[in-house]
Amino acid sequence: MQEVHADIFRCTTAQGKVVTSDRPIPECISRGMKVYSDAGRFKRNILPPLSAEEKQKIAQEQEQKQKQQAAEEERKREERYLLAHYQNEADVESARKRAVDVLQDKKRLANEQLETFNQVLLSLQAELKTSKKTTQEFESIQRRADDLSNNVLSTRKSIAFYDQEIQRTNREYDDTLKRFREVVSRTRR
């Protein structure tokens, strides 16, 4: 003959009454129950369902944990990138120089262009002042001067942009160098 082992469910209802049954007790689903073996030994707790606030808190904790894991993965990816691309600090500085040199060249060309625009603009303005022109010639020269003035403004904006990019690039490489030093010091330990 085979022995039958049944679980015993026990809980206290909202009215304070202790209820025991051989199956889960419907009145105690929202309160939780204790499960005992038929020999009376405690086996486990059946917890009540989570409240909306508890569910929200758990979801927030899980979301925070996922964000932390993603940040850690990004940090590791960045470290692998740094170690793969740079052998030493001189490599970082060399990369900085190449990036800044490109921007400096563009800025130099824009400055040359600005100088040319300014010279042509000055000659057009002088031409407008000195000689007698027909209305049509005057308007044509004035339009050319206005176009050049717009080009001068645009070129000045480009030069300011290159200055900002040079500063941003230097900051970026300062951060890269600092991060590289941290990674190298951590890998040497």
N, C-alpha and C. Protein backbone atom coordinates (compact mmCIF):
# COMPACT_ATOMS: atom_id res chain seq x y z
N MET A 1 0.84 -1.18 0.00
CA MET A 1 0.00 0.00 0.00
C MET A 1 0.89 1.25 0.00
N GLN A 2 0.53 2.20 -0.83
CA GLN A 2 1.32 3.42 -0.98
C GLN A 2 0.79 4.48 -0.03
N GLU A 3 1.75 5.15 0.63
CA GLU A 3 1.34 6.22 1.54
C GLU A 3 0.98 7.46 0.76
N VAL A 4 -0.01 8.17 1.20
CA VAL A 4 -0.42 9.42 0.58
C VAL A 4 -0.01 10.55 1.50
N HIS A 5 0.73 11.49 0.94
CA HIS A 5 1.15 12.64 1.72
C HIS A 5 0.43 13.87 1.21
N ALA A 6 -0.30 14.51 2.05
CA ALA A 6 -1.05 15.69 1.66
C ALA A 6 -0.50 16.90 2.41
N ASP A 7 -0.52 18.01 1.76
CA ASP A 7 -0.13 19.26 2.40
C ASP A 7 -1.30 19.78 3.21
N ILE A 8 -0.95 20.50 4.27
CA ILE A 8 -1.97 21.13 5.10
C ILE A 8 -1.75 22.64 5.00
N PHE A 9 -2.80 23.36 4.62
CA PHE A 9 -2.75 24.81 4.47
C PHE A 9 -3.37 25.45 5.68
N ARG A 10 -2.71 26.49 6.17
CA ARG A 10 -3.20 27.14 7.40
C ARG A 10 -3.06 28.64 7.24
N CYS A 11 -4.07 29.38 7.68
CA CYS A 11 -3.99 30.84 7.65
C CYS A 11 -4.92 31.43 8.70
N THR A 12 -4.75 32.73 8.88
CA THR A 12 -5.64 33.46 9.78
C THR A 12 -6.45 34.41 8.90
N THR A 13 -7.77 34.32 8.99
CA THR A 13 -8.62 35.15 8.16
C THR A 13 -8.61 36.59 8.66
N ALA A 14 -9.26 37.47 7.93
CA ALA A 14 -9.34 38.89 8.31
C ALA A 14 -10.06 39.06 9.65
N GLN A 15 -10.92 38.12 9.99
CA GLN A 15 -11.66 38.17 11.26
C GLN A 15 -10.86 37.58 12.41
N GLY A 16 -9.65 37.07 12.13
CA GLY A 16 -8.80 36.52 13.18
C GLY A 16 -9.00 35.04 13.40
N LYS A 17 -9.78 34.38 12.60
CA LYS A 17 -10.06 32.96 12.74
C LYS A 17 -8.97 32.15 12.03
N VAL A 18 -8.42 31.14 12.71
CA VAL A 18 -7.41 30.26 12.12
C VAL A 18 -8.15 29.18 11.35
N VAL A 19 -7.78 29.04 10.06
CA VAL A 19 -8.45 28.08 9.19
C VAL A 19 -7.39 27.11 8.66
N THR A 20 -7.76 25.82 8.63
CA THR A 20 -6.86 24.78 8.14
C THR A 20 -7.61 23.99 7.08
N SER A 21 -6.86 23.58 6.02
CA SER A 21 -7.51 22.83 4.94
C SER A 21 -6.46 21.99 4.22
N ASP A 22 -6.93 21.02 3.44
CA ASP A 22 -6.02 20.20 2.66
C ASP A 22 -5.77 20.79 1.27
N ARG A 23 -6.30 21.96 1.00
CA ARG A 23 -6.07 22.68 -0.26
C ARG A 23 -6.03 24.18 0.04
N PRO A 24 -5.52 24.99 -0.89
CA PRO A 24 -5.45 26.44 -0.63
C PRO A 24 -6.81 27.00 -0.22
N ILE A 25 -6.76 27.91 0.72
CA ILE A 25 -7.98 28.45 1.33
C ILE A 25 -8.36 29.75 0.62
N PRO A 26 -9.53 29.78 -0.04
CA PRO A 26 -9.92 30.97 -0.81
C PRO A 26 -9.97 32.26 0.02
N GLU A 27 -10.40 32.18 1.27
CA GLU A 27 -10.50 33.38 2.10
C GLU A 27 -9.13 33.98 2.43
N CYS A 28 -8.09 33.19 2.25
CA CYS A 28 -6.75 33.63 2.64
C CYS A 28 -5.83 33.93 1.45
N ILE A 29 -6.37 33.88 0.25
CA ILE A 29 -5.54 34.15 -0.94
C ILE A 29 -4.87 35.52 -0.83
N SER A 30 -5.61 36.52 -0.37
CA SER A 30 -5.06 37.87 -0.28
C SER A 30 -4.24 38.09 0.99
N ARG A 31 -4.22 37.11 1.89
CA ARG A 31 -3.51 37.27 3.16
C ARG A 31 -2.25 36.41 3.24
N GLY A 32 -2.16 35.38 2.41
CA GLY A 32 -1.03 34.47 2.48
C GLY A 32 -1.35 33.29 3.38
N MET A 33 -0.62 32.19 3.16
CA MET A 33 -0.86 30.96 3.93
C MET A 33 0.47 30.29 4.24
N LYS A 34 0.41 29.39 5.24
CA LYS A 34 1.56 28.55 5.56
C LYS A 34 1.18 27.13 5.14
N VAL A 35 2.20 26.41 4.64
CA VAL A 35 1.95 25.04 4.20
C VAL A 35 2.78 24.12 5.07
N TYR A 36 2.11 23.08 5.61
CA TYR A 36 2.76 22.11 6.48
C TYR A 36 2.62 20.73 5.85
N SER A 37 3.56 19.85 6.22
CA SER A 37 3.42 18.46 5.79
C SER A 37 2.34 17.82 6.64
N ASP A 38 1.88 16.64 6.22
CA ASP A 38 0.84 15.98 7.02
C ASP A 38 1.36 15.55 8.38
N ALA A 39 2.70 15.58 8.55
CA ALA A 39 3.29 15.27 9.85
C ALA A 39 3.39 16.53 10.72
N GLY A 40 2.98 17.67 10.17
CA GLY A 40 2.97 18.90 10.95
C GLY A 40 4.24 19.74 10.82
N ARG A 41 5.15 19.36 9.95
CA ARG A 41 6.37 20.15 9.76
C ARG A 41 6.13 21.27 8.74
N PHE A 42 6.64 22.44 9.07
CA PHE A 42 6.50 23.59 8.19
C PHE A 42 7.26 23.33 6.89
N LYS A 43 6.62 23.63 5.75
CA LYS A 43 7.25 23.44 4.45
C LYS A 43 7.57 24.76 3.76
N ARG A 44 6.58 25.65 3.71
CA ARG A 44 6.80 26.92 2.99
C ARG A 44 5.66 27.90 3.28
N ASN A 45 5.91 29.14 2.86
CA ASN A 45 4.89 30.19 2.93
C ASN A 45 4.36 30.44 1.52
N ILE A 46 3.08 30.67 1.43
CA ILE A 46 2.49 31.18 0.19
C ILE A 46 2.19 32.65 0.48
N LEU A 47 2.94 33.51 -0.18
CA LEU A 47 2.80 34.94 0.10
C LEU A 47 1.57 35.51 -0.57
N PRO A 48 1.01 36.55 0.03
CA PRO A 48 -0.13 37.20 -0.61
C PRO A 48 0.33 37.91 -1.88
N PRO A 49 -0.59 38.17 -2.80
CA PRO A 49 -0.20 38.88 -4.01
C PRO A 49 0.32 40.28 -3.67
N LEU A 50 1.19 40.78 -4.51
CA LEU A 50 1.78 42.09 -4.28
C LEU A 50 0.76 43.20 -4.56
N SER A 51 0.88 44.26 -3.78
CA SER A 51 0.03 45.42 -4.03
C SER A 51 0.57 46.16 -5.25
N ALA A 52 -0.20 47.09 -5.76
CA ALA A 52 0.23 47.88 -6.92
C ALA A 52 1.50 48.65 -6.61
N GLU A 53 1.60 49.18 -5.39
CA GLU A 53 2.79 49.93 -4.99
C GLU A 53 4.01 49.02 -4.93
N GLU A 54 3.82 47.80 -4.39
CA GLU A 54 4.93 46.85 -4.31
C GLU A 54 5.38 46.42 -5.71
N LYS A 55 4.42 46.19 -6.60
CA LYS A 55 4.76 45.82 -7.97
C LYS A 55 5.53 46.95 -8.64
N GLN A 56 5.08 48.18 -8.42
CA GLN A 56 5.74 49.33 -9.03
C GLN A 56 7.16 49.48 -8.48
N LYS A 57 7.33 49.27 -7.17
CA LYS A 57 8.65 49.38 -6.56
C LYS A 57 9.59 48.32 -7.13
N ILE A 58 9.10 47.10 -7.26
CA ILE A 58 9.90 46.01 -7.82
C ILE A 58 10.28 46.32 -9.27
N ALA A 59 9.33 46.85 -10.04
CA ALA A 59 9.60 47.20 -11.44
C ALA A 59 10.66 48.31 -11.51
N GLN A 60 10.56 49.29 -10.61
CA GLN A 60 11.56 50.37 -10.60
C GLN A 60 12.94 49.83 -10.23
N GLU A 61 12.98 48.93 -9.26
CA GLU A 61 14.26 48.34 -8.86
C GLU A 61 14.88 47.53 -10.01
N GLN A 62 14.03 46.78 -10.72
CA GLN A 62 14.52 46.01 -11.86
C GLN A 62 15.03 46.93 -12.97
N GLU A 63 14.29 48.01 -13.20
CA GLU A 63 14.70 48.98 -14.23
C GLU A 63 16.04 49.61 -13.86
N GLN A 64 16.19 49.98 -12.59
CA GLN A 64 17.44 50.57 -12.12
C GLN A 64 18.59 49.58 -12.28
N LYS A 65 18.34 48.33 -11.94
CA LYS A 65 19.36 47.30 -12.06
C LYS A 65 19.76 47.12 -13.53
N GLN A 66 18.79 47.14 -14.44
CA GLN A 66 19.08 47.01 -15.87
C GLN A 66 19.90 48.19 -16.36
N LYS A 67 19.58 49.40 -15.89
CA LYS A 67 20.35 50.59 -16.27
C LYS A 67 21.79 50.47 -15.79
N GLN A 68 21.97 49.99 -14.56
CA GLN A 68 23.31 49.82 -14.02
C GLN A 68 24.09 48.78 -14.81
N GLN A 69 23.42 47.69 -15.18
CA GLN A 69 24.08 46.65 -15.98
C GLN A 69 24.46 47.20 -17.35
N ALA A 70 23.57 47.99 -17.96
CA ALA A 70 23.86 48.58 -19.27
C ALA A 70 25.04 49.55 -19.17
N ALA A 71 25.07 50.34 -18.09
CA ALA A 71 26.18 51.28 -17.90
C ALA A 71 27.49 50.52 -17.71
N GLU A 72 27.45 49.43 -16.97
CA GLU A 72 28.64 48.62 -16.76
C GLU A 72 29.11 48.00 -18.07
N GLU A 73 28.19 47.51 -18.87
CA GLU A 73 28.54 46.95 -20.18
C GLU A 73 29.14 48.03 -21.08
N GLU A 74 28.59 49.23 -21.05
CA GLU A 74 29.12 50.34 -21.85
C GLU A 74 30.53 50.70 -21.39
N ARG A 75 30.75 50.70 -20.08
CA ARG A 75 32.08 51.00 -19.54
C ARG A 75 33.09 49.96 -20.03
N LYS A 76 32.72 48.69 -19.97
CA LYS A 76 33.61 47.62 -20.42
C LYS A 76 33.89 47.72 -21.91
N ARG A 77 32.86 48.05 -22.70
CA ARG A 77 33.02 48.22 -24.14
C ARG A 77 33.98 49.37 -24.43
N GLU A 78 33.82 50.46 -23.69
CA GLU A 78 34.70 51.61 -23.86
C GLU A 78 36.14 51.25 -23.52
N GLU A 79 36.33 50.50 -22.45
CA GLU A 79 37.67 50.09 -22.06
C GLU A 79 38.30 49.20 -23.14
N ARG A 80 37.53 48.27 -23.69
CA ARG A 80 38.06 47.41 -24.75
C ARG A 80 38.45 48.27 -25.96
N TYR A 81 37.62 49.25 -26.29
CA TYR A 81 37.91 50.13 -27.42
C TYR A 81 39.22 50.88 -27.18
N LEU A 82 39.35 51.47 -25.99
CA LEU A 82 40.56 52.24 -25.69
C LEU A 82 41.81 51.38 -25.80
N LEU A 83 41.76 50.20 -25.22
CA LEU A 83 42.94 49.32 -25.24
C LEU A 83 43.23 48.79 -26.64
N ALA A 84 42.20 48.66 -27.47
CA ALA A 84 42.41 48.18 -28.83
C ALA A 84 42.97 49.27 -29.75
N HIS A 85 42.63 50.53 -29.46
CA HIS A 85 43.03 51.62 -30.35
C HIS A 85 44.28 52.38 -29.92
N TYR A 86 44.60 52.31 -28.67
CA TYR A 86 45.75 53.08 -28.18
C TYR A 86 46.68 52.16 -27.40
N GLN A 87 47.97 52.18 -27.79
CA GLN A 87 48.97 51.39 -27.08
C GLN A 87 49.50 52.15 -25.86
N ASN A 88 49.54 53.49 -26.00
CA ASN A 88 50.09 54.32 -24.93
C ASN A 88 49.53 55.74 -25.05
N GLU A 89 49.94 56.60 -24.14
CA GLU A 89 49.43 57.97 -24.13
C GLU A 89 49.85 58.74 -25.38
N ALA A 90 51.01 58.42 -25.93
CA ALA A 90 51.47 59.09 -27.15
C ALA A 90 50.51 58.81 -28.31
N ASP A 91 49.92 57.63 -28.35
CA ASP A 91 48.94 57.31 -29.40
C ASP A 91 47.71 58.20 -29.27
N VAL A 92 47.29 58.45 -28.05
CA VAL A 92 46.13 59.32 -27.82
C VAL A 92 46.46 60.74 -28.29
N GLU A 93 47.65 61.21 -27.94
CA GLU A 93 48.05 62.56 -28.34
C GLU A 93 48.20 62.67 -29.85
N SER A 94 48.68 61.62 -30.47
CA SER A 94 48.82 61.61 -31.93
C SER A 94 47.44 61.69 -32.60
N ALA A 95 46.49 60.95 -32.07
CA ALA A 95 45.12 61.00 -32.61
C ALA A 95 44.52 62.39 -32.41
N ARG A 96 44.78 63.00 -31.27
CA ARG A 96 44.31 64.36 -31.00
C ARG A 96 44.88 65.32 -32.05
N LYS A 97 46.18 65.21 -32.27
CA LYS A 97 46.84 66.12 -33.21
C LYS A 97 46.24 65.98 -34.60
N ARG A 98 46.00 64.75 -35.05
CA ARG A 98 45.41 64.54 -36.38
C ARG A 98 44.02 65.18 -36.47
N ALA A 99 43.22 64.98 -35.43
CA ALA A 99 41.85 65.53 -35.44
C ALA A 99 41.86 67.06 -35.41
N VAL A 100 42.72 67.63 -34.57
CA VAL A 100 42.79 69.09 -34.46
C VAL A 100 43.40 69.69 -35.72
N ASP A 101 44.39 69.03 -36.30
CA ASP A 101 45.02 69.54 -37.52
C ASP A 101 44.01 69.68 -38.66
N VAL A 102 43.11 68.72 -38.79
CA VAL A 102 42.08 68.81 -39.84
C VAL A 102 41.23 70.06 -39.62
N LEU A 103 40.82 70.29 -38.38
CA LEU A 103 40.01 71.47 -38.07
C LEU A 103 40.80 72.76 -38.27
N GLN A 104 42.08 72.74 -37.88
CA GLN A 104 42.92 73.93 -38.06
C GLN A 104 43.08 74.26 -39.55
N ASP A 105 43.22 73.23 -40.38
CA ASP A 105 43.33 73.47 -41.82
C ASP A 105 42.05 74.09 -42.37
N LYS A 106 40.92 73.58 -41.94
CA LYS A 106 39.65 74.14 -42.40
C LYS A 106 39.50 75.59 -41.94
N LYS A 107 39.92 75.85 -40.72
CA LYS A 107 39.85 77.22 -40.20
C LYS A 107 40.81 78.13 -40.99
N ARG A 108 42.00 77.64 -41.30
CA ARG A 108 42.97 78.43 -42.07
C ARG A 108 42.40 78.79 -43.44
N LEU A 109 41.78 77.80 -44.11
CA LEU A 109 41.17 78.05 -45.42
C LEU A 109 40.03 79.06 -45.31
N ALA A 110 39.24 78.94 -44.27
CA ALA A 110 38.14 79.90 -44.07
C ALA A 110 38.69 81.30 -43.82
N ASN A 111 39.79 81.41 -43.09
CA ASN A 111 40.40 82.72 -42.86
C ASN A 111 40.94 83.31 -44.17
N GLU A 112 41.53 82.47 -45.00
CA GLU A 112 42.01 82.94 -46.30
C GLU A 112 40.84 83.41 -47.16
N GLN A 113 39.77 82.62 -47.12
CA GLN A 113 38.58 82.99 -47.87
C GLN A 113 38.00 84.31 -47.35
N LEU A 114 37.98 84.46 -46.05
CA LEU A 114 37.47 85.69 -45.44
C LEU A 114 38.30 86.89 -45.88
N GLU A 115 39.61 86.73 -45.92
CA GLU A 115 40.49 87.82 -46.35
C GLU A 115 40.20 88.20 -47.80
N THR A 116 40.01 87.20 -48.65
CA THR A 116 39.69 87.46 -50.06
C THR A 116 38.35 88.19 -50.18
N PHE A 117 37.35 87.69 -49.46
CA PHE A 117 36.03 88.35 -49.48
C PHE A 117 36.14 89.81 -49.05
N ASN A 118 36.90 90.03 -47.97
CA ASN A 118 37.04 91.40 -47.46
C ASN A 118 37.72 92.31 -48.48
N GLN A 119 38.75 91.81 -49.16
CA GLN A 119 39.44 92.62 -50.17
C GLN A 119 38.51 92.97 -51.33
N VAL A 120 37.78 91.99 -51.82
CA VAL A 120 36.85 92.24 -52.92
C VAL A 120 35.76 93.19 -52.48
N LEU A 121 35.27 93.00 -51.27
CA LEU A 121 34.21 93.87 -50.74
C LEU A 121 34.70 95.31 -50.64
N LEU A 122 35.92 95.50 -50.16
CA LEU A 122 36.48 96.86 -50.07
C LEU A 122 36.60 97.50 -51.45
N SER A 123 37.03 96.72 -52.44
CA SER A 123 37.16 97.29 -53.79
C SER A 123 35.79 97.63 -54.37
N LEU A 124 34.77 96.80 -54.09
CA LEU A 124 33.42 97.11 -54.57
C LEU A 124 32.88 98.38 -53.89
N GLN A 125 33.12 98.49 -52.59
CA GLN A 125 32.65 99.69 -51.87
C GLN A 125 33.36 100.94 -52.39
N ALA A 126 34.64 100.82 -52.70
CA ALA A 126 35.38 101.95 -53.26
C ALA A 126 34.84 102.31 -54.63
N GLU A 127 34.54 101.30 -55.42
CA GLU A 127 33.99 101.54 -56.75
C GLU A 127 32.64 102.24 -56.68
N LEU A 128 31.84 101.85 -55.68
CA LEU A 128 30.54 102.51 -55.51
C LEU A 128 30.69 104.00 -55.18
N LYS A 129 31.73 104.36 -54.45
CA LYS A 129 31.91 105.74 -54.00
C LYS A 129 32.56 106.63 -55.06
N THR A 130 33.43 106.08 -55.88
CA THR A 130 34.28 106.94 -56.72
C THR A 130 33.70 107.28 -58.07
N SER A 131 33.15 106.38 -58.75
CA SER A 131 32.78 106.69 -60.13
C SER A 131 31.28 106.87 -60.28
N LYS A 132 30.96 107.57 -61.31
CA LYS A 132 29.56 107.78 -61.63
C LYS A 132 29.05 106.53 -62.33
N LYS A 133 27.96 105.99 -61.82
CA LYS A 133 27.40 104.77 -62.37
C LYS A 133 25.94 105.01 -62.75
N THR A 134 25.53 104.22 -63.70
CA THR A 134 24.10 104.24 -64.00
C THR A 134 23.41 103.52 -62.84
N THR A 135 22.14 103.70 -62.74
CA THR A 135 21.38 103.06 -61.68
C THR A 135 21.52 101.55 -61.75
N GLN A 136 21.48 101.04 -62.96
CA GLN A 136 21.59 99.58 -63.14
C GLN A 136 22.98 99.09 -62.71
N GLU A 137 24.02 99.80 -63.07
CA GLU A 137 25.38 99.40 -62.67
C GLU A 137 25.54 99.51 -61.16
N PHE A 138 25.01 100.59 -60.61
CA PHE A 138 25.09 100.79 -59.16
C PHE A 138 24.40 99.65 -58.42
N GLU A 139 23.18 99.30 -58.86
CA GLU A 139 22.42 98.22 -58.21
C GLU A 139 23.14 96.87 -58.34
N SER A 140 23.76 96.65 -59.49
CA SER A 140 24.50 95.40 -59.71
C SER A 140 25.69 95.30 -58.74
N ILE A 141 26.44 96.40 -58.63
CA ILE A 141 27.59 96.41 -57.72
C ILE A 141 27.10 96.28 -56.27
N GLN A 142 26.00 96.94 -55.95
CA GLN A 142 25.45 96.87 -54.59
C GLN A 142 25.02 95.44 -54.25
N ARG A 143 24.39 94.75 -55.22
CA ARG A 143 24.00 93.34 -54.98
C ARG A 143 25.23 92.47 -54.75
N ARG A 144 26.26 92.67 -55.56
CA ARG A 144 27.50 91.91 -55.37
C ARG A 144 28.11 92.19 -54.00
N ALA A 145 28.08 93.44 -53.59
CA ALA A 145 28.61 93.82 -52.27
C ALA A 145 27.77 93.19 -51.16
N ASP A 146 26.46 93.18 -51.32
CA ASP A 146 25.57 92.56 -50.32
C ASP A 146 25.83 91.05 -50.24
N ASP A 147 25.98 90.42 -51.41
CA ASP A 147 26.27 88.98 -51.43
C ASP A 147 27.59 88.68 -50.73
N LEU A 148 28.58 89.51 -51.00
CA LEU A 148 29.88 89.32 -50.35
C LEU A 148 29.78 89.54 -48.84
N SER A 149 29.00 90.54 -48.44
CA SER A 149 28.80 90.78 -47.00
C SER A 149 28.19 89.55 -46.34
N ASN A 150 27.22 88.94 -47.01
CA ASN A 150 26.61 87.70 -46.48
C ASN A 150 27.64 86.58 -46.42
N ASN A 151 28.48 86.48 -47.44
CA ASN A 151 29.53 85.46 -47.43
C ASN A 151 30.53 85.71 -46.31
N VAL A 152 30.84 86.96 -46.05
CA VAL A 152 31.75 87.30 -44.94
C VAL A 152 31.14 86.84 -43.62
N LEU A 153 29.86 87.14 -43.41
CA LEU A 153 29.19 86.71 -42.17
C LEU A 153 29.18 85.18 -42.05
N SER A 154 28.88 84.52 -43.15
CA SER A 154 28.84 83.06 -43.14
C SER A 154 30.21 82.48 -42.83
N THR A 155 31.24 83.06 -43.42
CA THR A 155 32.61 82.57 -43.20
C THR A 155 33.04 82.82 -41.76
N ARG A 156 32.66 83.95 -41.20
CA ARG A 156 32.97 84.22 -39.78
C ARG A 156 32.29 83.20 -38.87
N LYS A 157 31.06 82.84 -39.21
CA LYS A 157 30.36 81.81 -38.44
C LYS A 157 31.09 80.47 -38.55
N SER A 158 31.58 80.17 -39.75
CA SER A 158 32.33 78.93 -39.95
C SER A 158 33.60 78.92 -39.10
N ILE A 159 34.29 80.05 -39.07
CA ILE A 159 35.52 80.14 -38.27
C ILE A 159 35.19 79.95 -36.79
N ALA A 160 34.11 80.58 -36.32
CA ALA A 160 33.69 80.41 -34.92
C ALA A 160 33.35 78.94 -34.65
N PHE A 161 32.68 78.31 -35.62
CA PHE A 161 32.34 76.90 -35.47
C PHE A 161 33.61 76.05 -35.35
N TYR A 162 34.60 76.31 -36.21
CA TYR A 162 35.86 75.55 -36.15
C TYR A 162 36.56 75.76 -34.82
N ASP A 163 36.51 76.99 -34.30
CA ASP A 163 37.10 77.25 -32.98
C ASP A 163 36.41 76.40 -31.91
N GLN A 164 35.07 76.36 -31.96
CA GLN A 164 34.33 75.55 -30.99
C GLN A 164 34.65 74.06 -31.15
N GLU A 165 34.75 73.62 -32.38
CA GLU A 165 35.07 72.20 -32.62
C GLU A 165 36.47 71.85 -32.14
N ILE A 166 37.41 72.76 -32.32
CA ILE A 166 38.77 72.52 -31.82
C ILE A 166 38.74 72.38 -30.30
N GLN A 167 38.00 73.26 -29.63
CA GLN A 167 37.89 73.18 -28.17
C GLN A 167 37.20 71.88 -27.74
N ARG A 168 36.11 71.54 -28.44
CA ARG A 168 35.38 70.32 -28.11
C ARG A 168 36.26 69.08 -28.32
N THR A 169 36.99 69.08 -29.43
CA THR A 169 37.87 67.95 -29.73
C THR A 169 38.96 67.81 -28.67
N ASN A 170 39.53 68.93 -28.25
CA ASN A 170 40.56 68.88 -27.20
C ASN A 170 39.97 68.36 -25.89
N ARG A 171 38.77 68.82 -25.54
CA ARG A 171 38.12 68.31 -24.31
C ARG A 171 37.87 66.81 -24.43
N GLU A 172 37.41 66.39 -25.60
CA GLU A 172 37.13 64.98 -25.82
C GLU A 172 38.40 64.14 -25.67
N TYR A 173 39.49 64.62 -26.23
CA TYR A 173 40.75 63.86 -26.11
C TYR A 173 41.33 63.97 -24.70
N ASP A 174 41.06 65.08 -23.99
CA ASP A 174 41.46 65.15 -22.58
C ASP A 174 40.74 64.06 -21.79
N ASP A 175 39.43 63.91 -22.06
CA ASP A 175 38.64 62.87 -21.39
C ASP A 175 39.14 61.47 -21.79
N THR A 176 39.44 61.31 -23.07
CA THR A 176 39.94 60.01 -23.55
C THR A 176 41.26 59.66 -22.88
N LEU A 177 42.15 60.65 -22.79
CA LEU A 177 43.45 60.41 -22.15
C LEU A 177 43.27 60.06 -20.67
N LYS A 178 42.41 60.79 -19.99
CA LYS A 178 42.14 60.50 -18.57
C LYS A 178 41.59 59.09 -18.41
N ARG A 179 40.61 58.75 -19.26
CA ARG A 179 39.99 57.42 -19.19
C ARG A 179 41.02 56.34 -19.52
N PHE A 180 41.87 56.59 -20.53
CA PHE A 180 42.91 55.63 -20.90
C PHE A 180 43.84 55.38 -19.72
N ARG A 181 44.23 56.45 -19.03
CA ARG A 181 45.11 56.30 -17.86
C ARG A 181 44.44 55.44 -16.78
N GLU A 182 43.15 55.67 -16.56
CA GLU A 182 42.42 54.89 -15.55
C GLU A 182 42.37 53.41 -15.94
N VAL A 183 42.07 53.16 -17.20
CA VAL A 183 41.96 51.77 -17.67
C VAL A 183 43.30 51.07 -17.56
N VAL A 184 44.38 51.75 -18.00
CA VAL A 184 45.71 51.15 -17.95
C VAL A 184 46.11 50.86 -16.51
N SER A 185 45.84 51.81 -15.61
CA SER A 185 46.22 51.59 -14.21
C SER A 185 45.42 50.44 -13.59
N ARG A 186 44.17 50.30 -14.01
CA ARG A 186 43.32 49.21 -13.48
C ARG A 186 43.78 47.86 -14.03
N THR A 187 44.22 47.82 -15.28
CA THR A 187 44.64 46.53 -15.87
C THR A 187 46.01 46.10 -15.37
N ARG A 188 46.80 47.02 -14.87
CA ARG A 188 48.14 46.67 -14.34
C ARG A 188 48.08 46.09 -12.94
N ARG A 189 46.98 46.27 -12.26
CA ARG A 189 46.87 45.77 -10.87
C ARG A 189 46.81 44.28 -10.83
